Amino acid sequence: MNDLEYCRILQIESSTLQMWVEERWIIPGSSSQARSYEDVDLARGRLILDLIESMGVNHAGVDVVIELVDQVHSLRERMRLLMEAIGKQDPAVQNALWQALTPIR
């Protein structure tokens, strides 16, 4: 979707979208002709709107939340890759890793 469609769906002004892009809260894809947005960008936009409108979070707070959300997504991806790598190991190595990762109670 393009800028106009994105703004229409989220019911925001184009100046608001421009600010979000400048702040790097939203990072649109780009083609040779225009910026483009995916479903994940809509989800981020809805989160930003909830933070600002429903929760009263200020600009600096949105920066922090967006950064934390990005960190969580990055960590989840790394964890997925780690789980795949463990799954490819010899069963004895898998068992040793699982035991090392299991906290003693």
Protein backbone atom coordinates (compact mmCIF):
# COMPACT_ATOMS: atom_id res chain seq x y z
CA MET A 1 0.00 0.00 0.00
CA ASN A 2 1.13 3.57 -0.58
CA ASP A 3 1.19 6.63 1.73
CA LEU A 4 -2.40 7.61 0.94
CA GLU A 5 -3.80 4.14 1.62
CA TYR A 6 -1.77 3.83 4.82
CA CYS A 7 -3.06 7.16 6.13
CA ARG A 8 -6.64 6.31 5.14
CA ILE A 9 -6.58 2.96 6.94
CA LEU A 10 -5.10 4.41 10.13
CA GLN A 11 -7.09 7.64 9.82
CA ILE A 12 -4.02 9.83 10.22
CA GLU A 13 -2.79 12.92 8.40
CA SER A 14 0.06 12.63 5.91
CA SER A 15 2.10 14.98 8.12
CA THR A 16 1.74 12.46 10.97
CA LEU A 17 2.99 9.66 8.75
CA GLN A 18 5.87 11.81 7.60
CA MET A 19 6.88 12.45 11.22
CA TRP A 20 6.68 8.74 12.02
CA VAL A 21 8.93 7.96 9.06
CA GLU A 22 11.40 10.71 10.05
CA GLU A 23 11.52 9.32 13.59
CA ARG A 24 12.01 5.83 12.08
CA TRP A 25 9.01 4.49 13.99
CA ILE A 26 7.80 3.30 10.59
CA ILE A 27 10.30 2.24 7.94
CA PRO A 28 8.50 1.85 4.63
CA GLY A 29 9.79 -0.19 1.77
CA SER A 30 10.57 1.71 -1.37
CA SER A 31 10.33 1.10 -5.05
CA SER A 32 11.57 3.29 -7.83
CA GLN A 33 8.33 5.27 -7.69
CA ALA A 34 7.06 5.50 -4.11
CA ARG A 35 7.20 4.29 -0.55
CA SER A 36 5.26 1.14 0.26
CA TYR A 37 3.87 -0.34 3.47
CA GLU A 38 3.20 -3.89 4.59
CA ASP A 39 0.86 -5.34 7.21
CA VAL A 40 3.64 -5.13 9.82
CA ASP A 41 3.78 -1.37 9.22
CA LEU A 42 0.04 -1.15 9.89
CA ALA A 43 0.51 -3.07 13.13
CA ARG A 44 3.27 -0.68 14.18
CA GLY A 45 1.09 2.28 13.25
CA ARG A 46 -1.78 0.91 15.35
CA LEU A 47 0.63 0.41 18.25
CA ILE A 48 1.86 4.00 17.93
CA LEU A 49 -1.72 5.29 17.88
CA ASP A 50 -2.60 3.22 20.95
CA LEU A 51 0.45 4.50 22.79
CA ILE A 52 -0.27 8.14 21.99
CA GLU A 53 -4.06 8.28 22.00
CA SER A 54 -5.15 5.58 24.43
CA MET A 55 -2.23 5.53 26.84
CA GLY A 56 -1.03 9.12 26.68
CA VAL A 57 2.58 8.18 25.95
CA ASN A 58 4.70 11.13 24.84
CA HIS A 59 7.16 11.30 21.94
CA ALA A 60 10.14 10.11 23.99
CA GLY A 61 8.08 7.26 25.39
CA VAL A 62 7.07 6.10 21.92
CA ASP A 63 10.78 6.08 20.97
CA VAL A 64 11.53 3.82 23.92
CA VAL A 65 8.61 1.45 23.30
CA ILE A 66 9.37 1.11 19.58
CA GLU A 67 13.04 0.40 20.37
CA LEU A 68 12.05 -2.25 22.93
CA VAL A 69 9.58 -3.87 20.53
CA ASP A 70 12.32 -4.05 17.89
CA GLN A 71 14.71 -5.61 20.42
CA VAL A 72 12.14 -8.23 21.42
CA HIS A 73 11.55 -9.15 17.75
CA SER A 74 15.30 -9.41 17.18
CA LEU A 75 15.74 -11.61 20.25
CA ARG A 76 12.87 -13.86 19.18
CA GLU A 77 14.49 -14.34 15.77
CA ARG A 78 17.83 -15.18 17.39
CA MET A 79 16.09 -17.64 19.71
CA ARG A 80 14.38 -19.27 16.73
CA LEU A 81 17.73 -19.67 15.00
CA LEU A 82 19.29 -21.08 18.18
CA MET A 83 16.47 -23.61 18.53
CA GLU A 84 16.95 -24.68 14.90
CA ALA A 85 20.70 -25.07 15.45
CA ILE A 86 20.16 -27.15 18.60
CA GLY A 87 17.65 -29.31 16.74
CA LYS A 88 20.31 -30.18 14.14
CA GLN A 89 22.79 -31.44 16.73
CA ASP A 90 23.48 -35.00 17.77
CA PRO A 91 20.95 -36.15 20.43
CA ALA A 92 23.68 -36.31 23.09
CA VAL A 93 24.67 -32.71 22.35
CA GLN A 94 21.00 -31.65 22.39
CA ASN A 95 20.52 -33.28 25.78
CA ALA A 96 23.63 -31.61 27.19
CA LEU A 97 22.48 -28.23 25.93
CA TRP A 98 18.96 -28.64 27.34
CA GLN A 99 20.39 -29.64 30.72
CA ALA A 100 22.73 -26.65 30.70
CA LEU A 101 19.81 -24.36 29.89
CA THR A 102 17.50 -25.80 32.54
CA PRO A 103 17.74 -23.90 35.84
CA ILE A 104 18.33 -25.92 38.98
CA ARG A 105 15.51 -25.59 41.50
